[in-house]
Full PDB file with SEQRES, HELIX, SHEET, SSBOND, CRYST1, ORIGX, SCALE, CONECT and MASTER records, all heavy atoms in Angstrom:
SEQRES   1 A   45  ASP ALA ALA PHE ALA GLU ASP GLY SER ASP PHE GLY VAL          
SEQRES   2 A   45  PRO SER ALA ASP LEU ALA ARG HIS VAL LEU SER ARG MET          
SEQRES   3 A   45  GLY MET ALA HIS HIS ARG GLY LEU VAL ALA LEU ASP VAL          
SEQRES   4 A   45  GLY LEU ASN LEU PRO VAL                                      
HELIX    1 AA1 ALA A    2  GLU A    6  1                                   5    
HELIX    2 AA2 SER A   15  ALA A   19  1                                   5    
HELIX    3 AA3 VAL A   22  MET A   28  1                                   7    
CRYST1    1.000    1.000    1.000  90.00  90.00  90.00 P 1           1          
ORIGX1      1.000000  0.000000  0.000000        0.00000                         
ORIGX2      0.000000  1.000000  0.000000        0.00000                         
ORIGX3      0.000000  0.000000  1.000000        0.00000                         
SCALE1      1.000000  0.000000  0.000000        0.00000                         
SCALE2      0.000000  1.000000  0.000000        0.00000                         
SCALE3      0.000000  0.000000  1.000000        0.00000                         
ATOM      1  N   ASP A   1     -93.103 -66.686 -34.954  1.00  0.00           N  
ATOM      2  CA  ASP A   1     -92.366 -65.738 -34.068  1.00  0.00           C  
ATOM      3  C   ASP A   1     -91.951 -66.401 -32.827  1.00  0.00           C  
ATOM      4  O   ASP A   1     -90.769 -66.377 -32.399  1.00  0.00           O  
ATOM      5  CB  ASP A   1     -93.362 -64.552 -33.661  1.00  0.00           C  
ATOM      6  CG  ASP A   1     -92.680 -63.488 -32.783  1.00  0.00           C  
ATOM      7  OD1 ASP A   1     -91.497 -63.680 -32.444  1.00  0.00           O  
ATOM      8  OD2 ASP A   1     -93.416 -62.565 -32.424  1.00  0.00           O  
ATOM      9  N   ALA A   2     -92.760 -67.238 -32.252  1.00  0.00           N  
ATOM     10  CA  ALA A   2     -92.332 -68.031 -30.922  1.00  0.00           C  
ATOM     11  C   ALA A   2     -91.259 -69.047 -31.328  1.00  0.00           C  
ATOM     12  O   ALA A   2     -90.323 -69.148 -30.568  1.00  0.00           O  
ATOM     13  CB  ALA A   2     -93.586 -68.668 -30.346  1.00  0.00           C  
ATOM     14  N   ALA A   3     -91.374 -69.670 -32.472  1.00  0.00           N  
ATOM     15  CA  ALA A   3     -90.408 -70.725 -32.878  1.00  0.00           C  
ATOM     16  C   ALA A   3     -89.121 -70.109 -33.122  1.00  0.00           C  
ATOM     17  O   ALA A   3     -88.013 -70.694 -32.632  1.00  0.00           O  
ATOM     18  CB  ALA A   3     -90.955 -71.539 -34.024  1.00  0.00           C  
ATOM     19  N   PHE A   4     -89.041 -69.042 -33.802  1.00  0.00           N  
ATOM     20  CA  PHE A   4     -87.743 -68.349 -34.115  1.00  0.00           C  
ATOM     21  C   PHE A   4     -87.130 -67.914 -32.767  1.00  0.00           C  
ATOM     22  O   PHE A   4     -85.881 -68.016 -32.611  1.00  0.00           O  
ATOM     23  CB  PHE A   4     -87.969 -67.158 -35.047  1.00  0.00           C  
ATOM     24  CG  PHE A   4     -88.017 -67.590 -36.492  1.00  0.00           C  
ATOM     25  CD1 PHE A   4     -89.113 -66.999 -37.258  1.00  0.00           C  
ATOM     26  CD2 PHE A   4     -87.050 -68.300 -37.172  1.00  0.00           C  
ATOM     27  CE1 PHE A   4     -89.169 -67.368 -38.548  1.00  0.00           C  
ATOM     28  CE2 PHE A   4     -87.156 -68.596 -38.492  1.00  0.00           C  
ATOM     29  CZ  PHE A   4     -88.150 -68.113 -39.184  1.00  0.00           C  
ATOM     30  N   ALA A   5     -87.993 -67.347 -31.919  1.00  0.00           N  
ATOM     31  CA  ALA A   5     -87.394 -66.769 -30.661  1.00  0.00           C  
ATOM     32  C   ALA A   5     -86.831 -67.908 -29.745  1.00  0.00           C  
ATOM     33  O   ALA A   5     -85.792 -67.749 -29.005  1.00  0.00           O  
ATOM     34  CB  ALA A   5     -88.465 -66.104 -29.896  1.00  0.00           C  
ATOM     35  N   GLU A   6     -87.468 -69.104 -29.788  1.00  0.00           N  
ATOM     36  CA  GLU A   6     -87.040 -70.213 -28.911  1.00  0.00           C  
ATOM     37  C   GLU A   6     -86.135 -71.249 -29.634  1.00  0.00           C  
ATOM     38  O   GLU A   6     -85.777 -72.234 -28.996  1.00  0.00           O  
ATOM     39  CB  GLU A   6     -88.261 -70.865 -28.286  1.00  0.00           C  
ATOM     40  CG  GLU A   6     -89.168 -70.010 -27.470  1.00  0.00           C  
ATOM     41  CD  GLU A   6     -88.596 -69.378 -26.267  1.00  0.00           C  
ATOM     42  OE1 GLU A   6     -87.550 -69.901 -25.748  1.00  0.00           O  
ATOM     43  OE2 GLU A   6     -88.997 -68.360 -25.766  1.00  0.00           O  
ATOM     44  N   ASP A   7     -85.828 -71.037 -30.895  1.00  0.00           N  
ATOM     45  CA  ASP A   7     -85.076 -72.029 -31.604  1.00  0.00           C  
ATOM     46  C   ASP A   7     -83.688 -72.247 -30.990  1.00  0.00           C  
ATOM     47  O   ASP A   7     -83.104 -73.275 -31.200  1.00  0.00           O  
ATOM     48  CB  ASP A   7     -84.958 -71.604 -33.085  1.00  0.00           C  
ATOM     49  CG  ASP A   7     -84.300 -72.598 -33.945  1.00  0.00           C  
ATOM     50  OD1 ASP A   7     -85.072 -73.558 -34.365  1.00  0.00           O  
ATOM     51  OD2 ASP A   7     -83.088 -72.528 -34.186  1.00  0.00           O  
ATOM     52  N   GLY A   8     -83.056 -71.267 -30.486  1.00  0.00           N  
ATOM     53  CA  GLY A   8     -81.671 -71.402 -29.961  1.00  0.00           C  
ATOM     54  C   GLY A   8     -80.640 -71.078 -31.020  1.00  0.00           C  
ATOM     55  O   GLY A   8     -79.438 -70.971 -30.634  1.00  0.00           O  
ATOM     56  N   SER A   9     -81.075 -70.602 -32.150  1.00  0.00           N  
ATOM     57  CA  SER A   9     -80.095 -70.065 -33.183  1.00  0.00           C  
ATOM     58  C   SER A   9     -79.982 -68.592 -33.193  1.00  0.00           C  
ATOM     59  O   SER A   9     -81.114 -67.954 -32.977  1.00  0.00           O  
ATOM     60  CB  SER A   9     -80.410 -70.697 -34.477  1.00  0.00           C  
ATOM     61  OG  SER A   9     -80.455 -72.163 -34.458  1.00  0.00           O  
ATOM     62  N   ASP A  10     -78.936 -68.037 -33.587  1.00  0.00           N  
ATOM     63  CA  ASP A  10     -78.812 -66.573 -33.735  1.00  0.00           C  
ATOM     64  C   ASP A  10     -79.097 -66.256 -35.194  1.00  0.00           C  
ATOM     65  O   ASP A  10     -78.260 -66.382 -35.961  1.00  0.00           O  
ATOM     66  CB  ASP A  10     -77.471 -66.008 -33.262  1.00  0.00           C  
ATOM     67  CG  ASP A  10     -77.413 -64.519 -33.361  1.00  0.00           C  
ATOM     68  OD1 ASP A  10     -78.457 -63.909 -33.670  1.00  0.00           O  
ATOM     69  OD2 ASP A  10     -76.339 -63.980 -33.098  1.00  0.00           O  
ATOM     70  N   PHE A  11     -80.327 -65.784 -35.514  1.00  0.00           N  
ATOM     71  CA  PHE A  11     -80.590 -65.459 -36.885  1.00  0.00           C  
ATOM     72  C   PHE A  11     -80.231 -64.047 -37.248  1.00  0.00           C  
ATOM     73  O   PHE A  11     -80.383 -63.655 -38.429  1.00  0.00           O  
ATOM     74  CB  PHE A  11     -82.171 -65.709 -37.128  1.00  0.00           C  
ATOM     75  CG  PHE A  11     -82.572 -67.075 -37.007  1.00  0.00           C  
ATOM     76  CD1 PHE A  11     -83.264 -67.510 -35.831  1.00  0.00           C  
ATOM     77  CD2 PHE A  11     -82.410 -67.959 -37.984  1.00  0.00           C  
ATOM     78  CE1 PHE A  11     -83.662 -68.785 -35.689  1.00  0.00           C  
ATOM     79  CE2 PHE A  11     -82.830 -69.245 -37.953  1.00  0.00           C  
ATOM     80  CZ  PHE A  11     -83.487 -69.718 -36.728  1.00  0.00           C  
ATOM     81  N   GLY A  12     -79.783 -63.240 -36.238  1.00  0.00           N  
ATOM     82  CA  GLY A  12     -79.349 -61.943 -36.575  1.00  0.00           C  
ATOM     83  C   GLY A  12     -80.500 -60.946 -36.838  1.00  0.00           C  
ATOM     84  O   GLY A  12     -80.217 -59.743 -37.072  1.00  0.00           O  
ATOM     85  N   VAL A  13     -81.700 -61.351 -36.716  1.00  0.00           N  
ATOM     86  CA  VAL A  13     -82.855 -60.473 -36.989  1.00  0.00           C  
ATOM     87  C   VAL A  13     -83.912 -60.832 -35.921  1.00  0.00           C  
ATOM     88  O   VAL A  13     -84.054 -61.983 -35.493  1.00  0.00           O  
ATOM     89  CB  VAL A  13     -83.462 -60.753 -38.384  1.00  0.00           C  
ATOM     90  CG1 VAL A  13     -84.725 -59.918 -38.655  1.00  0.00           C  
ATOM     91  CG2 VAL A  13     -82.479 -60.536 -39.459  1.00  0.00           C  
ATOM     92  N   PRO A  14     -84.632 -59.778 -35.405  1.00  0.00           N  
ATOM     93  CA  PRO A  14     -85.689 -60.112 -34.448  1.00  0.00           C  
ATOM     94  C   PRO A  14     -86.665 -61.115 -34.835  1.00  0.00           C  
ATOM     95  O   PRO A  14     -87.100 -61.083 -36.031  1.00  0.00           O  
ATOM     96  CB  PRO A  14     -86.262 -58.781 -34.183  1.00  0.00           C  
ATOM     97  CG  PRO A  14     -85.206 -57.706 -34.505  1.00  0.00           C  
ATOM     98  CD  PRO A  14     -84.461 -58.369 -35.626  1.00  0.00           C  
ATOM     99  N   SER A  15     -87.132 -61.994 -33.939  1.00  0.00           N  
ATOM    100  CA  SER A  15     -88.021 -63.081 -34.319  1.00  0.00           C  
ATOM    101  C   SER A  15     -89.279 -62.575 -34.933  1.00  0.00           C  
ATOM    102  O   SER A  15     -89.844 -63.205 -35.900  1.00  0.00           O  
ATOM    103  CB  SER A  15     -88.286 -63.881 -33.033  1.00  0.00           C  
ATOM    104  OG  SER A  15     -88.934 -63.134 -32.073  1.00  0.00           O  
ATOM    105  N   ALA A  16     -89.772 -61.394 -34.408  1.00  0.00           N  
ATOM    106  CA  ALA A  16     -91.076 -60.901 -35.029  1.00  0.00           C  
ATOM    107  C   ALA A  16     -90.864 -60.443 -36.454  1.00  0.00           C  
ATOM    108  O   ALA A  16     -91.747 -60.705 -37.300  1.00  0.00           O  
ATOM    109  CB  ALA A  16     -91.524 -59.721 -34.125  1.00  0.00           C  
ATOM    110  N   ASP A  17     -89.698 -59.882 -36.801  1.00  0.00           N  
ATOM    111  CA  ASP A  17     -89.457 -59.525 -38.201  1.00  0.00           C  
ATOM    112  C   ASP A  17     -89.262 -60.710 -39.077  1.00  0.00           C  
ATOM    113  O   ASP A  17     -89.644 -60.746 -40.228  1.00  0.00           O  
ATOM    114  CB  ASP A  17     -88.181 -58.613 -38.112  1.00  0.00           C  
ATOM    115  CG  ASP A  17     -88.422 -57.328 -37.555  1.00  0.00           C  
ATOM    116  OD1 ASP A  17     -89.541 -56.930 -37.176  1.00  0.00           O  
ATOM    117  OD2 ASP A  17     -87.363 -56.638 -37.121  1.00  0.00           O  
ATOM    118  N   LEU A  18     -88.576 -61.735 -38.597  1.00  0.00           N  
ATOM    119  CA  LEU A  18     -88.344 -63.006 -39.285  1.00  0.00           C  
ATOM    120  C   LEU A  18     -89.727 -63.612 -39.703  1.00  0.00           C  
ATOM    121  O   LEU A  18     -89.952 -64.008 -40.788  1.00  0.00           O  
ATOM    122  CB  LEU A  18     -87.534 -63.893 -38.500  1.00  0.00           C  
ATOM    123  CG  LEU A  18     -86.043 -63.840 -38.506  1.00  0.00           C  
ATOM    124  CD1 LEU A  18     -85.387 -64.735 -37.580  1.00  0.00           C  
ATOM    125  CD2 LEU A  18     -85.556 -64.056 -39.965  1.00  0.00           C  
ATOM    126  N   ALA A  19     -90.538 -63.677 -38.636  1.00  0.00           N  
ATOM    127  CA  ALA A  19     -91.879 -64.338 -38.900  1.00  0.00           C  
ATOM    128  C   ALA A  19     -92.768 -63.694 -39.912  1.00  0.00           C  
ATOM    129  O   ALA A  19     -93.554 -64.330 -40.617  1.00  0.00           O  
ATOM    130  CB  ALA A  19     -92.671 -64.391 -37.598  1.00  0.00           C  
ATOM    131  N   ARG A  20     -92.475 -62.375 -40.111  1.00  0.00           N  
ATOM    132  CA  ARG A  20     -93.356 -61.624 -41.124  1.00  0.00           C  
ATOM    133  C   ARG A  20     -92.537 -61.267 -42.313  1.00  0.00           C  
ATOM    134  O   ARG A  20     -93.143 -60.487 -43.140  1.00  0.00           O  
ATOM    135  CB  ARG A  20     -93.822 -60.351 -40.391  1.00  0.00           C  
ATOM    136  CG  ARG A  20     -94.897 -60.722 -39.342  1.00  0.00           C  
ATOM    137  CD  ARG A  20     -95.072 -59.621 -38.272  1.00  0.00           C  
ATOM    138  NE  ARG A  20     -96.044 -60.037 -37.176  1.00  0.00           N  
ATOM    139  CZ  ARG A  20     -95.712 -60.775 -36.267  1.00  0.00           C  
ATOM    140  NH1 ARG A  20     -94.531 -61.332 -36.150  1.00  0.00           N  
ATOM    141  NH2 ARG A  20     -96.631 -61.124 -35.353  1.00  0.00           N  
ATOM    142  N   HIS A  21     -91.369 -61.711 -42.396  1.00  0.00           N  
ATOM    143  CA  HIS A  21     -90.450 -61.450 -43.592  1.00  0.00           C  
ATOM    144  C   HIS A  21     -91.151 -62.057 -44.856  1.00  0.00           C  
ATOM    145  O   HIS A  21     -91.718 -63.073 -44.824  1.00  0.00           O  
ATOM    146  CB  HIS A  21     -89.113 -62.038 -43.383  1.00  0.00           C  
ATOM    147  CG  HIS A  21     -88.056 -61.408 -44.304  1.00  0.00           C  
ATOM    148  ND1 HIS A  21     -87.905 -61.894 -45.598  1.00  0.00           N  
ATOM    149  CD2 HIS A  21     -87.194 -60.517 -44.037  1.00  0.00           C  
ATOM    150  CE1 HIS A  21     -86.905 -61.207 -46.144  1.00  0.00           C  
ATOM    151  NE2 HIS A  21     -86.439 -60.361 -45.175  1.00  0.00           N  
ATOM    152  N   VAL A  22     -90.825 -61.469 -46.027  1.00  0.00           N  
ATOM    153  CA  VAL A  22     -91.396 -61.880 -47.195  1.00  0.00           C  
ATOM    154  C   VAL A  22     -90.903 -63.332 -47.640  1.00  0.00           C  
ATOM    155  O   VAL A  22     -91.677 -64.162 -48.139  1.00  0.00           O  
ATOM    156  CB  VAL A  22     -91.000 -60.950 -48.466  1.00  0.00           C  
ATOM    157  CG1 VAL A  22     -89.584 -60.811 -48.618  1.00  0.00           C  
ATOM    158  CG2 VAL A  22     -91.707 -61.333 -49.736  1.00  0.00           C  
ATOM    159  N   LEU A  23     -89.667 -63.674 -47.209  1.00  0.00           N  
ATOM    160  CA  LEU A  23     -89.206 -65.003 -47.411  1.00  0.00           C  
ATOM    161  C   LEU A  23     -89.932 -66.013 -46.579  1.00  0.00           C  
ATOM    162  O   LEU A  23     -90.125 -67.122 -47.037  1.00  0.00           O  
ATOM    163  CB  LEU A  23     -87.669 -65.003 -47.099  1.00  0.00           C  
ATOM    164  CG  LEU A  23     -86.768 -64.204 -48.053  1.00  0.00           C  
ATOM    165  CD1 LEU A  23     -85.372 -64.427 -47.613  1.00  0.00           C  
ATOM    166  CD2 LEU A  23     -86.995 -64.658 -49.562  1.00  0.00           C  
ATOM    167  N   SER A  24     -90.336 -65.650 -45.391  1.00  0.00           N  
ATOM    168  CA  SER A  24     -91.121 -66.568 -44.554  1.00  0.00           C  
ATOM    169  C   SER A  24     -92.416 -66.741 -45.142  1.00  0.00           C  
ATOM    170  O   SER A  24     -93.035 -67.850 -45.105  1.00  0.00           O  
ATOM    171  CB  SER A  24     -91.182 -66.047 -43.136  1.00  0.00           C  
ATOM    172  OG  SER A  24     -89.937 -66.103 -42.485  1.00  0.00           O  
ATOM    173  N   ARG A  25     -93.051 -65.665 -45.597  1.00  0.00           N  
ATOM    174  CA  ARG A  25     -94.427 -65.687 -46.197  1.00  0.00           C  
ATOM    175  C   ARG A  25     -94.400 -66.661 -47.443  1.00  0.00           C  
ATOM    176  O   ARG A  25     -95.283 -67.589 -47.677  1.00  0.00           O  
ATOM    177  CB  ARG A  25     -95.008 -64.364 -46.498  1.00  0.00           C  
ATOM    178  CG  ARG A  25     -95.359 -63.532 -45.298  1.00  0.00           C  
ATOM    179  CD  ARG A  25     -96.305 -62.403 -45.651  1.00  0.00           C  
ATOM    180  NE  ARG A  25     -95.869 -61.615 -46.822  1.00  0.00           N  
ATOM    181  CZ  ARG A  25     -95.202 -60.554 -46.621  1.00  0.00           C  
ATOM    182  NH1 ARG A  25     -94.788 -60.172 -45.447  1.00  0.00           N  
ATOM    183  NH2 ARG A  25     -94.879 -59.870 -47.775  1.00  0.00           N  
ATOM    184  N   MET A  26     -93.455 -66.432 -48.267  1.00  0.00           N  
ATOM    185  CA  MET A  26     -93.319 -67.230 -49.444  1.00  0.00           C  
ATOM    186  C   MET A  26     -92.866 -68.610 -49.215  1.00  0.00           C  
ATOM    187  O   MET A  26     -93.339 -69.579 -49.842  1.00  0.00           O  
ATOM    188  CB  MET A  26     -92.313 -66.581 -50.521  1.00  0.00           C  
ATOM    189  CG  MET A  26     -92.737 -65.132 -50.926  1.00  0.00           C  
ATOM    190  SD  MET A  26     -91.692 -64.486 -52.154  1.00  0.00           S  
ATOM    191  CE  MET A  26     -92.222 -65.388 -53.593  1.00  0.00           C  
ATOM    192  N   GLY A  27     -92.083 -68.883 -48.093  1.00  0.00           N  
ATOM    193  CA  GLY A  27     -91.665 -70.159 -47.782  1.00  0.00           C  
ATOM    194  C   GLY A  27     -92.862 -71.007 -47.225  1.00  0.00           C  
ATOM    195  O   GLY A  27     -93.042 -72.223 -47.495  1.00  0.00           O  
ATOM    196  N   MET A  28     -93.814 -70.367 -46.434  1.00  0.00           N  
ATOM    197  CA  MET A  28     -95.073 -71.082 -46.049  1.00  0.00           C  
ATOM    198  C   MET A  28     -95.933 -71.444 -47.183  1.00  0.00           C  
ATOM    199  O   MET A  28     -96.639 -72.471 -47.139  1.00  0.00           O  
ATOM    200  CB  MET A  28     -95.783 -70.144 -45.032  1.00  0.00           C  
ATOM    201  CG  MET A  28     -95.150 -70.158 -43.614  1.00  0.00           C  
ATOM    202  SD  MET A  28     -96.202 -69.264 -42.388  1.00  0.00           S  
ATOM    203  CE  MET A  28     -95.962 -67.583 -42.840  1.00  0.00           C  
ATOM    204  N   ALA A  29     -95.814 -70.616 -48.258  1.00  0.00           N  
ATOM    205  CA  ALA A  29     -96.541 -70.893 -49.501  1.00  0.00           C  
ATOM    206  C   ALA A  29     -95.888 -71.860 -50.427  1.00  0.00           C  
ATOM    207  O   ALA A  29     -96.281 -72.209 -51.517  1.00  0.00           O  
ATOM    208  CB  ALA A  29     -96.918 -69.724 -50.215  1.00  0.00           C  
ATOM    209  N   HIS A  30     -94.580 -72.414 -50.020  1.00  0.00           N  
ATOM    210  CA  HIS A  30     -93.733 -73.305 -50.750  1.00  0.00           C  
ATOM    211  C   HIS A  30     -93.501 -72.793 -52.199  1.00  0.00           C  
ATOM    212  O   HIS A  30     -93.747 -73.415 -53.231  1.00  0.00           O  
ATOM    213  CB  HIS A  30     -94.479 -74.679 -50.888  1.00  0.00           C  
ATOM    214  CG  HIS A  30     -94.846 -75.233 -49.501  1.00  0.00           C  
ATOM    215  ND1 HIS A  30     -93.917 -75.584 -48.648  1.00  0.00           N  
ATOM    216  CD2 HIS A  30     -96.053 -75.502 -48.984  1.00  0.00           C  
ATOM    217  CE1 HIS A  30     -94.566 -76.074 -47.487  1.00  0.00           C  
ATOM    218  NE2 HIS A  30     -95.923 -76.030 -47.676  1.00  0.00           N  
ATOM    219  N   HIS A  31     -92.906 -71.478 -52.189  1.00  0.00           N  
ATOM    220  CA  HIS A  31     -92.582 -70.950 -53.503  1.00  0.00           C  
ATOM    221  C   HIS A  31     -91.663 -71.736 -54.315  1.00  0.00           C  
ATOM    222  O   HIS A  31     -90.690 -72.296 -53.730  1.00  0.00           O  
ATOM    223  CB  HIS A  31     -91.908 -69.579 -53.120  1.00  0.00           C  
ATOM    224  CG  HIS A  31     -91.378 -68.951 -54.408  1.00  0.00           C  
ATOM    225  ND1 HIS A  31     -92.049 -68.268 -55.273  1.00  0.00           N  
ATOM    226  CD2 HIS A  31     -89.999 -68.835 -54.845  1.00  0.00           C  
ATOM    227  CE1 HIS A  31     -91.315 -67.838 -56.248  1.00  0.00           C  
ATOM    228  NE2 HIS A  31     -90.074 -68.126 -55.964  1.00  0.00           N  
ATOM    229  N   ARG A  32     -91.960 -71.913 -55.608  1.00  0.00           N  
ATOM    230  CA  ARG A  32     -91.094 -72.589 -56.523  1.00  0.00           C  
ATOM    231  C   ARG A  32     -90.864 -71.816 -57.801  1.00  0.00           C  
ATOM    232  O   ARG A  32     -91.771 -71.661 -58.563  1.00  0.00           O  
ATOM    233  CB  ARG A  32     -91.787 -74.000 -56.855  1.00  0.00           C  
ATOM    234  CG  ARG A  32     -91.820 -74.973 -55.775  1.00  0.00           C  
ATOM    235  CD  ARG A  32     -90.445 -75.416 -55.264  1.00  0.00           C  
ATOM    236  NE  ARG A  32     -90.370 -76.441 -54.282  1.00  0.00           N  
ATOM    237  CZ  ARG A  32     -90.488 -76.204 -52.979  1.00  0.00           C  
ATOM    238  NH1 ARG A  32     -90.557 -74.925 -52.535  1.00  0.00           N  
ATOM    239  NH2 ARG A  32     -90.498 -77.252 -52.106  1.00  0.00           N  
ATOM    240  N   GLY A  33     -89.716 -71.244 -57.815  1.00  0.00           N  
ATOM    241  CA  GLY A  33     -89.353 -70.518 -58.964  1.00  0.00           C  
ATOM    242  C   GLY A  33     -87.905 -70.859 -59.259  1.00  0.00           C  
ATOM    243  O   GLY A  33     -87.532 -72.065 -59.239  1.00  0.00           O  
ATOM    244  N   LEU A  34     -86.997 -69.910 -59.567  1.00  0.00           N  
ATOM    245  CA  LEU A  34     -85.620 -70.239 -59.574  1.00  0.00           C  
ATOM    246  C   LEU A  34     -85.056 -70.594 -58.202  1.00  0.00           C  
ATOM    247  O   LEU A  34     -84.113 -71.284 -58.098  1.00  0.00           O  
ATOM    248  CB  LEU A  34     -84.822 -69.045 -60.115  1.00  0.00           C  
ATOM    249  CG  LEU A  34     -85.058 -68.698 -61.595  1.00  0.00           C  
ATOM    250  CD1 LEU A  34     -84.249 -67.462 -62.083  1.00  0.00           C  
ATOM    251  CD2 LEU A  34     -84.790 -69.915 -62.498  1.00  0.00           C  
ATOM    252  N   VAL A  35     -85.825 -70.162 -57.189  1.00  0.00           N  
ATOM    253  CA  VAL A  35     -85.516 -70.419 -55.825  1.00  0.00           C  
ATOM    254  C   VAL A  35     -86.621 -71.203 -55.221  1.00  0.00           C  
ATOM    255  O   VAL A  35     -87.804 -70.984 -55.465  1.00  0.00           O  
ATOM    256  CB  VAL A  35     -85.268 -69.141 -55.013  1.00  0.00           C  
ATOM    257  CG1 VAL A  35     -85.070 -69.440 -53.553  1.00  0.00           C  
ATOM    258  CG2 VAL A  35     -84.149 -68.317 -55.536  1.00  0.00           C  
ATOM    259  N   ALA A  36     -86.241 -72.344 -54.552  1.00  0.00           N  
ATOM    260  CA  ALA A  36     -87.300 -73.027 -53.851  1.00  0.00           C  
ATOM    261  C   ALA A  36     -87.287 -72.717 -52.282  1.00  0.00           C  
ATOM    262  O   ALA A  36     -86.236 -72.700 -51.732  1.00  0.00           O  
ATOM    263  CB  ALA A  36     -87.036 -74.552 -53.946  1.00  0.00           C  
ATOM    264  N   LEU A  37     -88.466 -72.345 -51.789  1.00  0.00           N  
ATOM    265  CA  LEU A  37     -88.505 -71.776 -50.428  1.00  0.00           C  
ATOM    266  C   LEU A  37     -89.569 -72.707 -49.580  1.00  0.00           C  
ATOM    267  O   LEU A  37     -90.607 -72.868 -50.148  1.00  0.00           O  
ATOM    268  CB  LEU A  37     -88.966 -70.380 -50.387  1.00  0.00           C  
ATOM    269  CG  LEU A  37     -87.930 -69.316 -50.950  1.00  0.00           C  
ATOM    270  CD1 LEU A  37     -88.581 -67.919 -50.932  1.00  0.00           C  
ATOM    271  CD2 LEU A  37     -86.618 -69.337 -50.201  1.00  0.00           C  
ATOM    272  N   ASP A  38     -89.154 -73.208 -48.471  1.00  0.00           N  
ATOM    273  CA  ASP A  38     -90.002 -73.910 -47.605  1.00  0.00           C  
ATOM    274  C   ASP A  38     -89.747 -73.413 -46.205  1.00  0.00           C  
ATOM    275  O   ASP A  38     -88.643 -73.409 -45.732  1.00  0.00           O  
ATOM    276  CB  ASP A  38     -89.857 -75.378 -47.620  1.00  0.00           C  
ATOM    277  CG  ASP A  38     -90.243 -75.941 -48.954  1.00  0.00           C  
ATOM    278  OD1 ASP A  38     -91.457 -75.929 -49.230  1.00  0.00           O  
ATOM    279  OD2 ASP A  38     -89.431 -76.416 -49.737  1.00  0.00           O  
ATOM    280  N   VAL A  39     -90.791 -72.920 -45.492  1.00  0.00           N  
ATOM    281  CA  VAL A  39     -90.729 -72.569 -44.018  1.00  0.00           C  
ATOM    282  C   VAL A  39     -91.794 -73.304 -43.321  1.00  0.00           C  
ATOM    283  O   VAL A  39     -92.930 -73.237 -43.768  1.00  0.00           O  
ATOM    284  CB  VAL A  39     -90.757 -71.092 -43.940  1.00  0.00           C  
ATOM    285  CG1 VAL A  39     -90.741 -70.683 -42.445  1.00  0.00           C  
ATOM    286  CG2 VAL A  39     -89.537 -70.323 -44.490  1.00  0.00           C  
ATOM    287  N   GLY A  40     -91.496 -73.866 -42.188  1.00  0.00           N  
ATOM    288  CA  GLY A  40     -92.491 -74.518 -41.384  1.00  0.00           C  
ATOM    289  C   GLY A  40     -91.988 -74.778 -40.026  1.00  0.00           C  
ATOM    290  O   GLY A  40     -90.935 -74.264 -39.606  1.00  0.00           O  
ATOM    291  N   LEU A  41     -92.685 -75.514 -39.204  1.00  0.00           N  
ATOM    292  CA  LEU A  41     -92.308 -75.916 -37.890  1.00  0.00           C  
ATOM    293  C   LEU A  41     -91.774 -77.328 -37.772  1.00  0.00           C  
ATOM    294  O   LEU A  41     -92.256 -78.183 -38.488  1.00  0.00           O  
ATOM    295  CB  LEU A  41     -93.503 -75.747 -36.903  1.00  0.00           C  
ATOM    296  CG  LEU A  41     -94.001 -74.350 -36.674  1.00  0.00           C  
ATOM    297  CD1 LEU A  41     -95.250 -74.285 -35.775  1.00  0.00           C  
ATOM    298  CD2 LEU A  41     -93.026 -73.265 -36.284  1.00  0.00           C  
ATOM    299  N   ASN A  42     -90.864 -77.595 -36.885  1.00  0.00           N  
ATOM    300  CA  ASN A  42     -90.359 -78.885 -36.717  1.00  0.00           C  
ATOM    301  C   ASN A  42     -90.763 -79.549 -35.463  1.00  0.00           C  
ATOM    302  O   ASN A  42     -90.317 -80.552 -34.998  1.00  0.00           O  
ATOM    303  CB  ASN A  42     -88.832 -78.786 -36.617  1.00  0.00           C  
ATOM    304  CG  ASN A  42     -88.135 -80.076 -36.898  1.00  0.00           C  
ATOM    305  OD1 ASN A  42     -88.669 -80.924 -37.671  1.00  0.00           O  
ATOM    306  ND2 ASN A  42     -86.963 -80.359 -36.271  1.00  0.00           N  
ATOM    307  N   LEU A  43     -91.893 -79.028 -34.881  1.00  0.00           N  
ATOM    308  CA  LEU A  43     -92.559 -79.577 -33.732  1.00  0.00           C  
ATOM    309  C   LEU A  43     -94.065 -79.631 -34.053  1.00  0.00           C  
ATOM    310  O   LEU A  43     -94.671 -78.742 -34.725  1.00  0.00           O  
ATOM    311  CB  LEU A  43     -92.377 -78.757 -32.422  1.00  0.00           C  
ATOM    312  CG  LEU A  43     -91.041 -78.889 -31.684  1.00  0.00           C  
ATOM    313  CD1 LEU A  43     -91.063 -77.888 -30.549  1.00  0.00           C  
ATOM    314  CD2 LEU A  43     -90.839 -80.239 -31.180  1.00  0.00           C  
ATOM    315  N   PRO A  44     -94.910 -80.521 -33.467  1.00  0.00           N  
ATOM    316  CA  PRO A  44     -96.325 -80.493 -33.636  1.00  0.00           C  
ATOM    317  C   PRO A  44     -96.806 -79.288 -32.791  1.00  0.00           C  
ATOM    318  O   PRO A  44     -96.211 -78.784 -31.920  1.00  0.00           O  
ATOM    319  CB  PRO A  44     -96.761 -81.718 -33.023  1.00  0.00           C  
ATOM    320  CG  PRO A  44     -95.774 -82.247 -32.068  1.00  0.00           C  
ATOM    321  CD  PRO A  44     -94.323 -81.711 -32.661  1.00  0.00           C  
ATOM    322  N   VAL A  45     -98.071 -78.953 -33.161  1.00  0.00           N  
ATOM    323  CA  VAL A  45     -98.742 -77.792 -32.396  1.00  0.00           C  
ATOM    324  C   VAL A  45     -99.971 -78.377 -31.747  1.00  0.00           C  
ATOM    325  O   VAL A  45    -100.761 -79.124 -32.364  1.00  0.00           O  
ATOM    326  CB  VAL A  45     -99.187 -76.663 -33.391  1.00  0.00           C  
ATOM    327  CG1 VAL A  45     -99.959 -75.577 -32.586  1.00  0.00           C  
ATOM    328  CG2 VAL A  45     -97.916 -75.970 -34.047  1.00  0.00           C  
TER     329      VAL A  45                                                      
MASTER        0    0    0    3    0    0    0    6  328    1    0    4          
END                                                                             
C-alpha cells in the first residue's frame, strides 16, 4: 500500500485497493499459469 502510494505513477486505483487486489496477491505468490504474475518491492525494507 505504501509503495503504490509513493511510487509516483498513476495506477488509476487507490493504493489500498491495489495492495489487496487479487492480482497483487497472486503476484506475491508468483502465479504461473497461462499468465505469469510477479509483484514485489524494488527497495529493501
